[in-house]
């Protein structure tokens, strides 16, 4: 090597971002969100941790944050759909199964939080 020492700081993203959001007053109260907007709360709780959720409340609040969260999977998956495949009925049944599993996971999460 060239004789210089490099030190990198590595942190876990989600706890770090939650801490920063709490410091500036932008941390989302997920329990309150489940009561006021269950669909959005479901997407925030079970979806990817994206910066949009820190723009729902507090300073720097963005009116488009909710729409961005609700459509983030579409923006991630649509570019990979380059062709239409036959057998759409199998996809529908898989989608239904995933929705049922998600509802069961939500019920389990509520039971654990209570």
PDB file of N, CA and C in Angstrom:
ATOM      1  N   UNK A   1       0.828  -1.190   0.000  1.00  0.00           N
ATOM      2  CA  UNK A   1       0.000   0.000   0.000  1.00  0.00           C
ATOM      3  C   UNK A   1       0.865   1.244   0.000  1.00  0.00           C
ATOM      4  N   UNK A   2       0.243   2.400  -0.022  1.00  0.00           N
ATOM      5  CA  UNK A   2       1.006   3.646  -0.159  1.00  0.00           C
ATOM      6  C   UNK A   2       1.410   4.263   1.183  1.00  0.00           C
ATOM      7  N   UNK A   3       1.200   3.593   2.270  1.00  0.00           N
ATOM      8  CA  UNK A   3       1.613   4.080   3.574  1.00  0.00           C
ATOM      9  C   UNK A   3       0.570   4.900   4.307  1.00  0.00           C
ATOM     10  N   UNK A   4      -0.540   5.244   3.661  1.00  0.00           N
ATOM     11  CA  UNK A   4      -1.591   5.996   4.344  1.00  0.00           C
ATOM     12  C   UNK A   4      -2.585   5.024   4.958  1.00  0.00           C
ATOM     13  N   UNK A   5      -3.096   5.417   6.074  1.00  0.00           N
ATOM     14  CA  UNK A   5      -4.095   4.579   6.742  1.00  0.00           C
ATOM     15  C   UNK A   5      -5.472   5.165   6.488  1.00  0.00           C
ATOM     16  N   UNK A   6      -6.370   4.300   6.125  1.00  0.00           N
ATOM     17  CA  UNK A   6      -7.756   4.720   5.924  1.00  0.00           C
ATOM     18  C   UNK A   6      -8.602   4.120   7.022  1.00  0.00           C
ATOM     19  N   UNK A   7      -9.467   4.912   7.557  1.00  0.00           N
ATOM     20  CA  UNK A   7     -10.423   4.427   8.540  1.00  0.00           C
ATOM     21  C   UNK A   7     -11.806   4.756   8.011  1.00  0.00           C
ATOM     22  N   UNK A   8     -12.617   3.742   7.947  1.00  0.00           N
ATOM     23  CA  UNK A   8     -13.982   3.966   7.497  1.00  0.00           C
ATOM     24  C   UNK A   8     -14.924   3.722   8.648  1.00  0.00           C
ATOM     25  N   UNK A   9     -15.918   4.538   8.716  1.00  0.00           N
ATOM     26  CA  UNK A   9     -16.942   4.406   9.743  1.00  0.00           C
ATOM     27  C   UNK A   9     -18.107   3.650   9.132  1.00  0.00           C
ATOM     28  N   UNK A  10     -18.462   2.551   9.735  1.00  0.00           N
ATOM     29  CA  UNK A  10     -19.579   1.765   9.239  1.00  0.00           C
ATOM     30  C   UNK A  10     -20.653   1.700  10.315  1.00  0.00           C
ATOM     31  N   UNK A  11     -21.868   2.015   9.905  1.00  0.00           N
ATOM     32  CA  UNK A  11     -23.002   1.969  10.831  1.00  0.00           C
ATOM     33  C   UNK A  11     -24.141   1.203  10.170  1.00  0.00           C
ATOM     34  N   UNK A  12     -25.044   0.709  10.981  1.00  0.00           N
ATOM     35  CA  UNK A  12     -26.258   0.086  10.456  1.00  0.00           C
ATOM     36  C   UNK A  12     -27.201   1.203  10.013  1.00  0.00           C
ATOM     37  N   UNK A  13     -27.678   1.101   8.779  1.00  0.00           N
ATOM     38  CA  UNK A  13     -28.434   2.183   8.159  1.00  0.00           C
ATOM     39  C   UNK A  13     -29.709   2.535   8.920  1.00  0.00           C
ATOM     40  N   UNK A  14     -30.531   1.538   9.221  1.00  0.00           N
ATOM     41  CA  UNK A  14     -31.850   1.840   9.786  1.00  0.00           C
ATOM     42  C   UNK A  14     -31.754   2.466  11.183  1.00  0.00           C
ATOM     43  N   UNK A  15     -30.996   1.889  12.132  1.00  0.00           N
ATOM     44  CA  UNK A  15     -30.896   2.566  13.437  1.00  0.00           C
ATOM     45  C   UNK A  15     -30.255   3.951  13.333  1.00  0.00           C
ATOM     46  N   UNK A  16     -29.285   4.103  12.449  1.00  0.00           N
ATOM     47  CA  UNK A  16     -28.636   5.400  12.267  1.00  0.00           C
ATOM     48  C   UNK A  16     -29.625   6.442  11.757  1.00  0.00           C
ATOM     49  N   UNK A  17     -30.391   6.082  10.723  1.00  0.00           N
ATOM     50  CA  UNK A  17     -31.356   7.017  10.162  1.00  0.00           C
ATOM     51  C   UNK A  17     -32.489   7.313  11.142  1.00  0.00           C
ATOM     52  N   UNK A  18     -32.921   6.300  11.905  1.00  0.00           N
ATOM     53  CA  UNK A  18     -33.954   6.539  12.924  1.00  0.00           C
ATOM     54  C   UNK A  18     -33.450   7.517  13.978  1.00  0.00           C
ATOM     55  N   UNK A  19     -32.201   7.364  14.383  1.00  0.00           N
ATOM     56  CA  UNK A  19     -31.614   8.282  15.368  1.00  0.00           C
ATOM     57  C   UNK A  19     -31.532   9.703  14.850  1.00  0.00           C
ATOM     58  N   UNK A  20     -31.088   9.858  13.619  1.00  0.00           N
ATOM     59  CA  UNK A  20     -31.028  11.195  13.020  1.00  0.00           C
ATOM     60  C   UNK A  20     -32.421  11.806  12.887  1.00  0.00           C
ATOM     61  N   UNK A  21     -33.375  10.997  12.438  1.00  0.00           N
ATOM     62  CA  UNK A  21     -34.741  11.491  12.268  1.00  0.00           C
ATOM     63  C   UNK A  21     -35.336  11.920  13.608  1.00  0.00           C
ATOM     64  N   UNK A  22     -35.032  11.166  14.653  1.00  0.00           N
ATOM     65  CA  UNK A  22     -35.547  11.538  15.980  1.00  0.00           C
ATOM     66  C   UNK A  22     -34.930  12.849  16.458  1.00  0.00           C
ATOM     67  N   UNK A  23     -33.652  13.054  16.170  1.00  0.00           N
ATOM     68  CA  UNK A  23     -32.968  14.287  16.575  1.00  0.00           C
ATOM     69  C   UNK A  23     -33.585  15.526  15.933  1.00  0.00           C
ATOM     70  N   UNK A  24     -34.008  15.407  14.673  1.00  0.00           N
ATOM     71  CA  UNK A  24     -34.551  16.587  13.995  1.00  0.00           C
ATOM     72  C   UNK A  24     -36.072  16.635  14.012  1.00  0.00           C
ATOM     73  N   UNK A  25     -36.707  15.616  14.596  1.00  0.00           N
ATOM     74  CA  UNK A  25     -38.164  15.615  14.703  1.00  0.00           C
ATOM     75  C   UNK A  25     -38.880  15.078  13.477  1.00  0.00           C
ATOM     76  N   UNK A  26     -38.216  14.213  12.712  1.00  0.00           N
ATOM     77  CA  UNK A  26     -38.836  13.666  11.501  1.00  0.00           C
ATOM     78  C   UNK A  26     -39.091  12.162  11.599  1.00  0.00           C
ATOM     79  N   UNK A  27     -38.903  11.580  12.773  1.00  0.00           N
ATOM     80  CA  UNK A  27     -39.115  10.139  12.914  1.00  0.00           C
ATOM     81  C   UNK A  27     -40.606   9.831  12.883  1.00  0.00           C
ATOM     82  N   UNK A  28     -40.958   8.821  12.133  1.00  0.00           N
ATOM     83  CA  UNK A  28     -42.341   8.450  11.930  1.00  0.00           C
ATOM     84  C   UNK A  28     -42.849   7.619  13.104  1.00  0.00           C
ATOM     85  N   UNK A  29     -44.030   7.953  13.610  1.00  0.00           N
ATOM     86  CA  UNK A  29     -44.670   7.164  14.654  1.00  0.00           C
ATOM     87  C   UNK A  29     -45.505   6.101  13.954  1.00  0.00           C
ATOM     88  N   UNK A  30     -44.963   4.896  13.854  1.00  0.00           N
ATOM     89  CA  UNK A  30     -45.596   3.840  13.061  1.00  0.00           C
ATOM     90  C   UNK A  30     -46.920   3.393  13.663  1.00  0.00           C
ATOM     91  N   UNK A  31     -47.034   3.407  14.995  1.00  0.00           N
ATOM     92  CA  UNK A  31     -48.301   3.007  15.626  1.00  0.00           C
ATOM     93  C   UNK A  31     -49.411   3.985  15.269  1.00  0.00           C
ATOM     94  N   UNK A  32     -49.106   5.268  15.294  1.00  0.00           N
ATOM     95  CA  UNK A  32     -50.099   6.279  14.926  1.00  0.00           C
ATOM     96  C   UNK A  32     -50.454   6.171  13.445  1.00  0.00           C
ATOM     97  N   UNK A  33     -49.453   5.862  12.627  1.00  0.00           N
ATOM     98  CA  UNK A  33     -49.694   5.725  11.196  1.00  0.00           C
ATOM     99  C   UNK A  33     -50.610   4.537  10.910  1.00  0.00           C
ATOM    100  N   UNK A  34     -50.493   3.440  11.673  1.00  0.00           N
ATOM    101  CA  UNK A  34     -51.388   2.297  11.487  1.00  0.00           C
ATOM    102  C   UNK A  34     -52.837   2.690  11.782  1.00  0.00           C
ATOM    103  N   UNK A  35     -53.047   3.633  12.690  1.00  0.00           N
ATOM    104  CA  UNK A  35     -54.402   4.074  13.010  1.00  0.00           C
ATOM    105  C   UNK A  35     -54.948   5.069  11.990  1.00  0.00           C
ATOM    106  N   UNK A  36     -54.076   5.932  11.471  1.00  0.00           N
ATOM    107  CA  UNK A  36     -54.547   6.982  10.566  1.00  0.00           C
ATOM    108  C   UNK A  36     -54.535   6.569   9.100  1.00  0.00           C
ATOM    109  N   UNK A  37     -53.541   5.798   8.683  1.00  0.00           N
ATOM    110  CA  UNK A  37     -53.430   5.381   7.282  1.00  0.00           C
ATOM    111  C   UNK A  37     -52.846   3.966   7.233  1.00  0.00           C
ATOM    112  N   UNK A  38     -53.690   2.951   7.441  1.00  0.00           N
ATOM    113  CA  UNK A  38     -53.187   1.571   7.531  1.00  0.00           C
ATOM    114  C   UNK A  38     -52.464   1.087   6.278  1.00  0.00           C
ATOM    115  N   UNK A  39     -52.910   1.493   5.102  1.00  0.00           N
ATOM    116  CA  UNK A  39     -52.263   1.053   3.864  1.00  0.00           C
ATOM    117  C   UNK A  39     -50.820   1.571   3.791  1.00  0.00           C
ATOM    118  N   UNK A  40     -50.648   2.844   4.078  1.00  0.00           N
ATOM    119  CA  UNK A  40     -49.311   3.432   4.067  1.00  0.00           C
ATOM    120  C   UNK A  40     -48.443   2.822   5.164  1.00  0.00           C
ATOM    121  N   UNK A  41     -49.022   2.624   6.337  1.00  0.00           N
ATOM    122  CA  UNK A  41     -48.270   2.032   7.446  1.00  0.00           C
ATOM    123  C   UNK A  41     -47.803   0.627   7.095  1.00  0.00           C
ATOM    124  N   UNK A  42     -48.655  -0.132   6.432  1.00  0.00           N
ATOM    125  CA  UNK A  42     -48.298  -1.484   6.013  1.00  0.00           C
ATOM    126  C   UNK A  42     -47.108  -1.442   5.059  1.00  0.00           C
ATOM    127  N   UNK A  43     -47.142  -0.519   4.108  1.00  0.00           N
ATOM    128  CA  UNK A  43     -46.049  -0.407   3.133  1.00  0.00           C
ATOM    129  C   UNK A  43     -44.750   0.046   3.796  1.00  0.00           C
ATOM    130  N   UNK A  44     -44.854   0.956   4.773  1.00  0.00           N
ATOM    131  CA  UNK A  44     -43.650   1.431   5.461  1.00  0.00           C
ATOM    132  C   UNK A  44     -43.075   0.328   6.350  1.00  0.00           C
ATOM    133  N   UNK A  45     -43.944  -0.382   7.076  1.00  0.00           N
ATOM    134  CA  UNK A  45     -43.493  -1.385   8.039  1.00  0.00           C
ATOM    135  C   UNK A  45     -42.920  -2.621   7.348  1.00  0.00           C
ATOM    136  N   UNK A  46     -43.579  -3.090   6.293  1.00  0.00           N
ATOM    137  CA  UNK A  46     -43.157  -4.324   5.642  1.00  0.00           C
ATOM    138  C   UNK A  46     -42.357  -4.099   4.360  1.00  0.00           C
ATOM    139  N   UNK A  47     -42.278  -2.870   3.909  1.00  0.00           N
ATOM    140  CA  UNK A  47     -41.536  -2.587   2.685  1.00  0.00           C
ATOM    141  C   UNK A  47     -40.097  -2.210   2.977  1.00  0.00           C
ATOM    142  N   UNK A  48     -39.387  -1.791   1.956  1.00  0.00           N
ATOM    143  CA  UNK A  48     -37.993  -1.393   2.159  1.00  0.00           C
ATOM    144  C   UNK A  48     -37.909  -0.082   2.925  1.00  0.00           C
ATOM    145  N   UNK A  49     -36.848   0.092   3.658  1.00  0.00           N
ATOM    146  CA  UNK A  49     -36.627   1.349   4.377  1.00  0.00           C
ATOM    147  C   UNK A  49     -36.088   2.352   3.370  1.00  0.00           C
ATOM    148  N   UNK A  50     -36.917   3.265   2.976  1.00  0.00           N
ATOM    149  CA  UNK A  50     -36.506   4.256   1.981  1.00  0.00           C
ATOM    150  C   UNK A  50     -36.518   5.645   2.606  1.00  0.00           C
ATOM    151  N   UNK A  51     -35.744   6.551   2.050  1.00  0.00           N
ATOM    152  CA  UNK A  51     -35.693   7.913   2.600  1.00  0.00           C
ATOM    153  C   UNK A  51     -37.030   8.647   2.564  1.00  0.00           C
ATOM    154  N   UNK A  52     -37.958   8.160   1.728  1.00  0.00           N
ATOM    155  CA  UNK A  52     -39.260   8.832   1.638  1.00  0.00           C
ATOM    156  C   UNK A  52     -39.981   8.855   2.978  1.00  0.00           C
ATOM    157  N   UNK A  53     -39.817   7.812   3.797  1.00  0.00           N
ATOM    158  CA  UNK A  53     -40.563   7.755   5.052  1.00  0.00           C
ATOM    159  C   UNK A  53     -40.134   8.847   6.018  1.00  0.00           C
ATOM    160  N   UNK A  54     -38.933   9.373   5.861  1.00  0.00           N
ATOM    161  CA  UNK A  54     -38.480  10.453   6.728  1.00  0.00           C
ATOM    162  C   UNK A  54     -38.967  11.810   6.242  1.00  0.00           C
ATOM    163  N   UNK A  55     -39.659  11.821   5.105  1.00  0.00           N
ATOM    164  CA  UNK A  55     -40.205  13.063   4.575  1.00  0.00           C
ATOM    165  C   UNK A  55     -41.714  13.161   4.779  1.00  0.00           C
ATOM    166  N   UNK A  56     -42.299  12.204   5.519  1.00  0.00           N
ATOM    167  CA  UNK A  56     -43.744  12.227   5.770  1.00  0.00           C
ATOM    168  C   UNK A  56     -44.116  13.243   6.840  1.00  0.00           C
ATOM    169  N   UNK A  57     -43.247  13.439   7.830  1.00  0.00           N
ATOM    170  CA  UNK A  57     -43.523  14.363   8.936  1.00  0.00           C
ATOM    171  C   UNK A  57     -42.279  15.178   9.243  1.00  0.00           C
ATOM    172  N   UNK A  58     -42.458  16.186  10.063  1.00  0.00           N
ATOM    173  CA  UNK A  58     -41.328  16.965  10.561  1.00  0.00           C
ATOM    174  C   UNK A  58     -40.818  17.988   9.567  1.00  0.00           C
ATOM    175  N   UNK A  59     -39.640  18.541   9.869  1.00  0.00           N
ATOM    176  CA  UNK A  59     -39.068  19.539   8.956  1.00  0.00           C
ATOM    177  C   UNK A  59     -38.690  18.879   7.633  1.00  0.00           C
ATOM    178  N   UNK A  60     -38.900  19.586   6.565  1.00  0.00           N
ATOM    179  CA  UNK A  60     -38.624  19.035   5.249  1.00  0.00           C
ATOM    180  C   UNK A  60     -39.718  18.108   4.754  1.00  0.00           C
ATOM    181  N   UNK A  61     -40.908  18.224   5.372  1.00  0.00           N
ATOM    182  CA  UNK A  61     -42.041  17.383   4.970  1.00  0.00           C
ATOM    183  C   UNK A  61     -42.332  17.602   3.485  1.00  0.00           C
ATOM    184  N   UNK A  62     -42.547  16.495   2.773  1.00  0.00           N
ATOM    185  CA  UNK A  62     -42.801  16.555   1.337  1.00  0.00           C
ATOM    186  C   UNK A  62     -44.158  15.942   1.046  1.00  0.00           C
ATOM    187  N   UNK A  63     -45.006  16.669   0.346  1.00  0.00           N
ATOM    188  CA  UNK A  63     -46.348  16.184   0.051  1.00  0.00           C
ATOM    189  C   UNK A  63     -46.340  14.955  -0.857  1.00  0.00           C
ATOM    190  N   UNK A  64     -45.310  14.772  -1.637  1.00  0.00           N
ATOM    191  CA  UNK A  64     -45.231  13.635  -2.542  1.00  0.00           C
ATOM    192  C   UNK A  64     -44.649  12.376  -1.919  1.00  0.00           C
ATOM    193  N   UNK A  65     -44.287  12.429  -0.634  1.00  0.00           N
ATOM    194  CA  UNK A  65     -43.648  11.281   0.012  1.00  0.00           C
ATOM    195  C   UNK A  65     -44.579  10.076   0.078  1.00  0.00           C
ATOM    196  N   UNK A  66     -45.850  10.294   0.378  1.00  0.00           N
ATOM    197  CA  UNK A  66     -46.795   9.182   0.470  1.00  0.00           C
ATOM    198  C   UNK A  66     -46.936   8.490  -0.880  1.00  0.00           C
ATOM    199  N   UNK A  67     -47.108   9.256  -1.933  1.00  0.00           N
ATOM    200  CA  UNK A  67     -47.235   8.672  -3.272  1.00  0.00           C
ATOM    201  C   UNK A  67     -45.950   7.949  -3.669  1.00  0.00           C
ATOM    202  N   UNK A  68     -44.805   8.495  -3.288  1.00  0.00           N
ATOM    203  CA  UNK A  68     -43.529   7.855  -3.621  1.00  0.00           C
ATOM    204  C   UNK A  68     -43.394   6.510  -2.911  1.00  0.00           C
ATOM    205  N   UNK A  69     -43.846   6.417  -1.667  1.00  0.00           N
ATOM    206  CA  UNK A  69     -43.787   5.151  -0.930  1.00  0.00           C
ATOM    207  C   UNK A  69     -44.738   4.136  -1.536  1.00  0.00           C
ATOM    208  N   UNK A  70     -45.933   4.578  -1.878  1.00  0.00           N
ATOM    209  CA  UNK A  70     -46.928   3.653  -2.420  1.00  0.00           C
ATOM    210  C   UNK A  70     -46.563   3.141  -3.814  1.00  0.00           C
ATOM    211  N   UNK A  71     -45.698   3.843  -4.524  1.00  0.00           N
ATOM    212  CA  UNK A  71     -45.345   3.424  -5.883  1.00  0.00           C
ATOM    213  C   UNK A  71     -43.887   2.990  -6.021  1.00  0.00           C
ATOM    214  N   UNK A  72     -43.149   2.872  -4.926  1.00  0.00           N
ATOM    215  CA  UNK A  72     -41.727   2.557  -5.057  1.00  0.00           C
ATOM    216  C   UNK A  72     -41.473   1.164  -5.637  1.00  0.00           C
ATOM    217  N   UNK A  73     -42.343   0.198  -5.341  1.00  0.00           N
ATOM    218  CA  UNK A  73     -42.163  -1.145  -5.918  1.00  0.00           C
ATOM    219  C   UNK A  73     -42.412  -1.118  -7.415  1.00  0.00           C
ATOM    220  N   UNK A  74     -43.376  -0.317  -7.858  1.00  0.00           N
ATOM    221  CA  UNK A  74     -43.638  -0.205  -9.290  1.00  0.00           C
ATOM    222  C   UNK A  74     -42.408   0.336 -10.024  1.00  0.00           C
ATOM    223  N   UNK A  75     -41.778   1.339  -9.456  1.00  0.00           N
ATOM    224  CA  UNK A  75     -40.599   1.924 -10.089  1.00  0.00           C
ATOM    225  C   UNK A  75     -39.413   0.970 -10.070  1.00  0.00           C
ATOM    226  N   UNK A  76     -39.383   0.043  -9.120  1.00  0.00           N
ATOM    227  CA  UNK A  76     -38.274  -0.913  -9.048  1.00  0.00           C
ATOM    228  C   UNK A  76     -38.502  -2.121  -9.952  1.00  0.00           C
ATOM    229  N   UNK A  77     -39.735  -2.577 -10.081  1.00  0.00           N
ATOM    230  CA  UNK A  77     -40.014  -3.808 -10.806  1.00  0.00           C
ATOM    231  C   UNK A  77     -40.335  -3.563 -12.282  1.00  0.00           C
ATOM    232  N   UNK A  78     -41.015  -2.487 -12.607  1.00  0.00           N
ATOM    233  CA  UNK A  78     -41.418  -2.250 -14.001  1.00  0.00           C
ATOM    234  C   UNK A  78     -40.263  -2.271 -15.002  1.00  0.00           C
ATOM    235  N   UNK A  79     -39.096  -1.725 -14.688  1.00  0.00           N
ATOM    236  CA  UNK A  79     -38.006  -1.801 -15.670  1.00  0.00           C
ATOM    237  C   UNK A  79     -37.553  -3.231 -15.979  1.00  0.00           C
ATOM    238  N   UNK A  80     -37.839  -4.174 -15.099  1.00  0.00           N
ATOM    239  CA  UNK A  80     -37.416  -5.554 -15.348  1.00  0.00           C
ATOM    240  C   UNK A  80     -38.420  -6.325 -16.195  1.00  0.00           C
ATOM    241  N   UNK A  81     -39.572  -5.765 -16.422  1.00  0.00           N
ATOM    242  CA  UNK A  81     -40.609  -6.424 -17.231  1.00  0.00           C
ATOM    243  C   UNK A  81     -40.426  -6.037 -18.690  1.00  0.00           C
ATOM    244  N   UNK A  82     -39.649  -6.835 -19.385  1.00  0.00           N
ATOM    245  CA  UNK A  82     -39.353  -6.505 -20.774  1.00  0.00           C
ATOM    246  C   UNK A  82     -40.243  -7.239 -21.758  1.00  0.00           C
ATOM    247  N   UNK A  83     -40.963  -8.259 -21.288  1.00  0.00           N
ATOM    248  CA  UNK A  83     -41.852  -9.008 -22.180  1.00  0.00           C
ATOM    249  C   UNK A  83     -43.027  -9.550 -21.381  1.00  0.00           C
ATOM    250  N   UNK A  84     -44.094  -9.837 -22.092  1.00  0.00           N
ATOM    251  CA  UNK A  84     -45.290 -10.385 -21.463  1.00  0.00           C
ATOM    252  C   UNK A  84     -45.267 -11.896 -21.627  1.00  0.00           C
ATOM    253  N   UNK A  85     -45.441 -12.611 -20.538  1.00  0.00           N
ATOM    254  CA  UNK A  85     -45.430 -14.068 -20.559  1.00  0.00           C
ATOM    255  C   UNK A  85     -46.846 -14.610 -20.498  1.00  0.00           C
ATOM    256  N   UNK A  86     -47.048 -15.773 -21.121  1.00  0.00           N
ATOM    257  CA  UNK A  86     -48.332 -16.460 -21.002  1.00  0.00           C
ATOM    258  C   UNK A  86     -48.431 -17.072 -19.610  1.00  0.00           C
ATOM    259  N   UNK A  87     -49.640 -17.345 -19.177  1.00  0.00           N
ATOM    260  CA  UNK A  87     -49.816 -17.966 -17.856  1.00  0.00           C
ATOM    261  C   UNK A  87     -50.066 -16.939 -16.772  1.00  0.00           C
ATOM    262  N   UNK A  88     -50.820 -15.891 -17.092  1.00  0.00           N
ATOM    263  CA  UNK A  88     -51.101 -14.853 -16.112  1.00  0.00           C
ATOM    264  C   UNK A  88     -51.915 -15.331 -14.938  1.00  0.00           C
ATOM    265  N   UNK A  89     -52.683 -16.428 -15.093  1.00  0.00           N
ATOM    266  CA  UNK A  89     -53.498 -16.925 -13.985  1.00  0.00           C
ATOM    267  C   UNK A  89     -52.623 -17.437 -12.845  1.00  0.00           C
ATOM    268  N   UNK A  90     -51.454 -18.001 -13.161  1.00  0.00           N
ATOM    269  CA  UNK A  90     -50.538 -18.455 -12.109  1.00  0.00           C
ATOM    270  C   UNK A  90     -50.022 -17.277 -11.315  1.00  0.00           C
ATOM    271  N   UNK A  91     -49.759 -16.168 -12.002  1.00  0.00           N
ATOM    272  CA  UNK A  91     -49.283 -14.968 -11.331  1.00  0.00           C
ATOM    273  C   UNK A  91     -50.337 -14.421 -10.382  1.00  0.00           C
ATOM    274  N   UNK A  92     -51.595 -14.461 -10.783  1.00  0.00           N
ATOM    275  CA  UNK A  92     -52.677 -13.967  -9.935  1.00  0.00           C
ATOM    276  C   UNK A  92     -52.775 -14.809  -8.666  1.00  0.00           C
ATOM    277  N   UNK A  93     -52.682 -16.118  -8.790  1.00  0.00           N
ATOM    278  CA  UNK A  93     -52.771 -16.958  -7.605  1.00  0.00           C
ATOM    279  C   UNK A  93     -51.567 -16.738  -6.686  1.00  0.00           C
ATOM    280  N   UNK A  94     -50.387 -16.504  -7.257  1.00  0.00           N
ATOM    281  CA  UNK A  94     -49.217 -16.212  -6.450  1.00  0.00           C
ATOM    282  C   UNK A  94     -49.386 -14.883  -5.725  1.00  0.00           C
ATOM    283  N   UNK A  95     -49.930 -13.899  -6.432  1.00  0.00           N
ATOM    284  CA  UNK A  95     -50.178 -12.596  -5.821  1.00  0.00           C
ATOM    285  C   UNK A  95     -51.172 -12.721  -4.675  1.00  0.00           C
ATOM    286  N   UNK A  96     -52.220 -13.500  -4.860  1.00  0.00           N
ATOM    287  CA  UNK A  96     -53.204 -13.714  -3.800  1.00  0.00           C
ATOM    288  C   UNK A  96     -52.561 -14.391  -2.597  1.00  0.00           C
ATOM    289  N   UNK A  97     -51.729 -15.387  -2.839  1.00  0.00           N
ATOM    290  CA  UNK A  97     -51.036 -16.072  -1.747  1.00  0.00           C
ATOM    291  C   UNK A  97     -50.135 -15.110  -0.980  1.00  0.00           C
ATOM    292  N   UNK A  98     -49.418 -14.266  -1.695  1.00  0.00           N
ATOM    293  CA  UNK A  98     -48.548 -13.298  -1.028  1.00  0.00           C
ATOM    294  C   UNK A  98     -49.347 -12.298  -0.199  1.00  0.00           C
ATOM    295  N   UNK A  99     -50.504 -11.883  -0.699  1.00  0.00           N
ATOM    296  CA  UNK A  99     -51.341 -10.958   0.061  1.00  0.00           C
ATOM    297  C   UNK A  99     -51.865 -11.613   1.330  1.00  0.00           C
ATOM    298  N   UNK A 100     -52.256 -12.864   1.245  1.00  0.00           N
ATOM    299  CA  UNK A 100     -52.736 -13.580   2.426  1.00  0.00           C
ATOM    300  C   UNK A 100     -51.624 -13.711   3.449  1.00  0.00           C
ATOM    301  N   UNK A 101     -50.422 -14.045   2.995  1.00  0.00           N
ATOM    302  CA  UNK A 101     -49.279 -14.144   3.911  1.00  0.00           C
ATOM    303  C   UNK A 101     -48.961 -12.790   4.552  1.00  0.00           C
ATOM    304  N   UNK A 102     -49.100 -11.725   3.790  1.00  0.00           N
ATOM    305  CA  UNK A 102     -48.841 -10.392   4.328  1.00  0.00           C
ATOM    306  C   UNK A 102     -49.852 -10.033   5.411  1.00  0.00           C
ATOM    307  N   UNK A 103     -51.119 -10.369   5.194  1.00  0.00           N
ATOM    308  CA  UNK A 103     -52.146 -10.100   6.202  1.00  0.00           C
ATOM    309  C   UNK A 103     -51.865 -10.896   7.468  1.00  0.00           C
ATOM    310  N   UNK A 104     -51.477 -12.152   7.317  1.00  0.00           N
ATOM    311  CA  UNK A 104     -51.131 -12.962   8.488  1.00  0.00           C
ATOM    312  C   UNK A 104     -49.938 -12.381   9.228  1.00  0.00           C
ATOM    313  N   UNK A 105     -48.948 -11.897   8.500  1.00  0.00           N
ATOM    314  CA  UNK A 105     -47.784 -11.273   9.132  1.00  0.00           C
ATOM    315  C   UNK A 105     -48.188 -10.008   9.870  1.00  0.00           C
ATOM    316  N   UNK A 106     -49.110  -9.243   9.307  1.00  0.00           N
ATOM    317  CA  UNK A 106     -49.592  -8.022   9.955  1.00  0.00           C
ATOM    318  C   UNK A 106     -50.313  -8.352  11.251  1.00  0.00           C
ATOM    319  N   UNK A 107     -51.151  -9.378  11.231  1.00  0.00           N
ATOM    320  CA  UNK A 107     -51.859  -9.794  12.451  1.00  0.00           C
ATOM    321  C   UNK A 107     -50.861 -10.231  13.508  1.00  0.00           C
ATOM    322  N   UNK A 108     -49.864 -11.012  13.106  1.00  0.00           N
ATOM    323  CA  UNK A 108     -48.836 -11.453  14.064  1.00  0.00           C
ATOM    324  C   UNK A 108     -48.073 -10.264  14.638  1.00  0.00           C
ATOM    325  N   UNK A 109     -47.773  -9.266  13.804  1.00  0.00           N
ATOM    326  CA  UNK A 109     -47.064  -8.087  14.280  1.00  0.00           C
ATOM    327  C   UNK A 109     -47.889  -7.323  15.302  1.00  0.00           C
ATOM    328  N   UNK A 110     -49.190  -7.181  15.053  1.00  0.00           N
ATOM    329  CA  UNK A 110     -50.052  -6.500  16.015  1.00  0.00           C
ATOM    330  C   UNK A 110     -50.118  -7.270  17.336  1.00  0.00           C
ATOM    331  N   UNK A 111     -50.200  -8.587  17.264  1.00  0.00           N
ATOM    332  CA  UNK A 111     -50.244  -9.399  18.477  1.00  0.00           C
ATOM    333  C   UNK A 111     -48.956  -9.222  19.264  1.00  0.00           C
ATOM    334  N   UNK A 112     -47.819  -9.185  18.584  1.00  0.00           N
ATOM    335  CA  UNK A 112     -46.540  -9.028  19.265  1.00  0.00           C
ATOM    336  C   UNK A 112     -46.360  -7.635  19.850  1.00  0.00           C
ATOM    337  N   UNK A 113     -46.927  -6.615  19.189  1.00  0.00           N
ATOM    338  CA  UNK A 113     -46.794  -5.239  19.687  1.00  0.00           C
ATOM    339  C   UNK A 113     -47.696  -4.958  20.878  1.00  0.00           C
ATOM    340  N   UNK A 114     -48.754  -5.709  21.012  1.00  0.00           N
ATOM    341  CA  UNK A 114     -49.708  -5.455  22.101  1.00  0.00           C
ATOM    342  C   UNK A 114     -49.175  -5.968  23.396  1.00  0.00           C
TER     343      UNK A 114
END
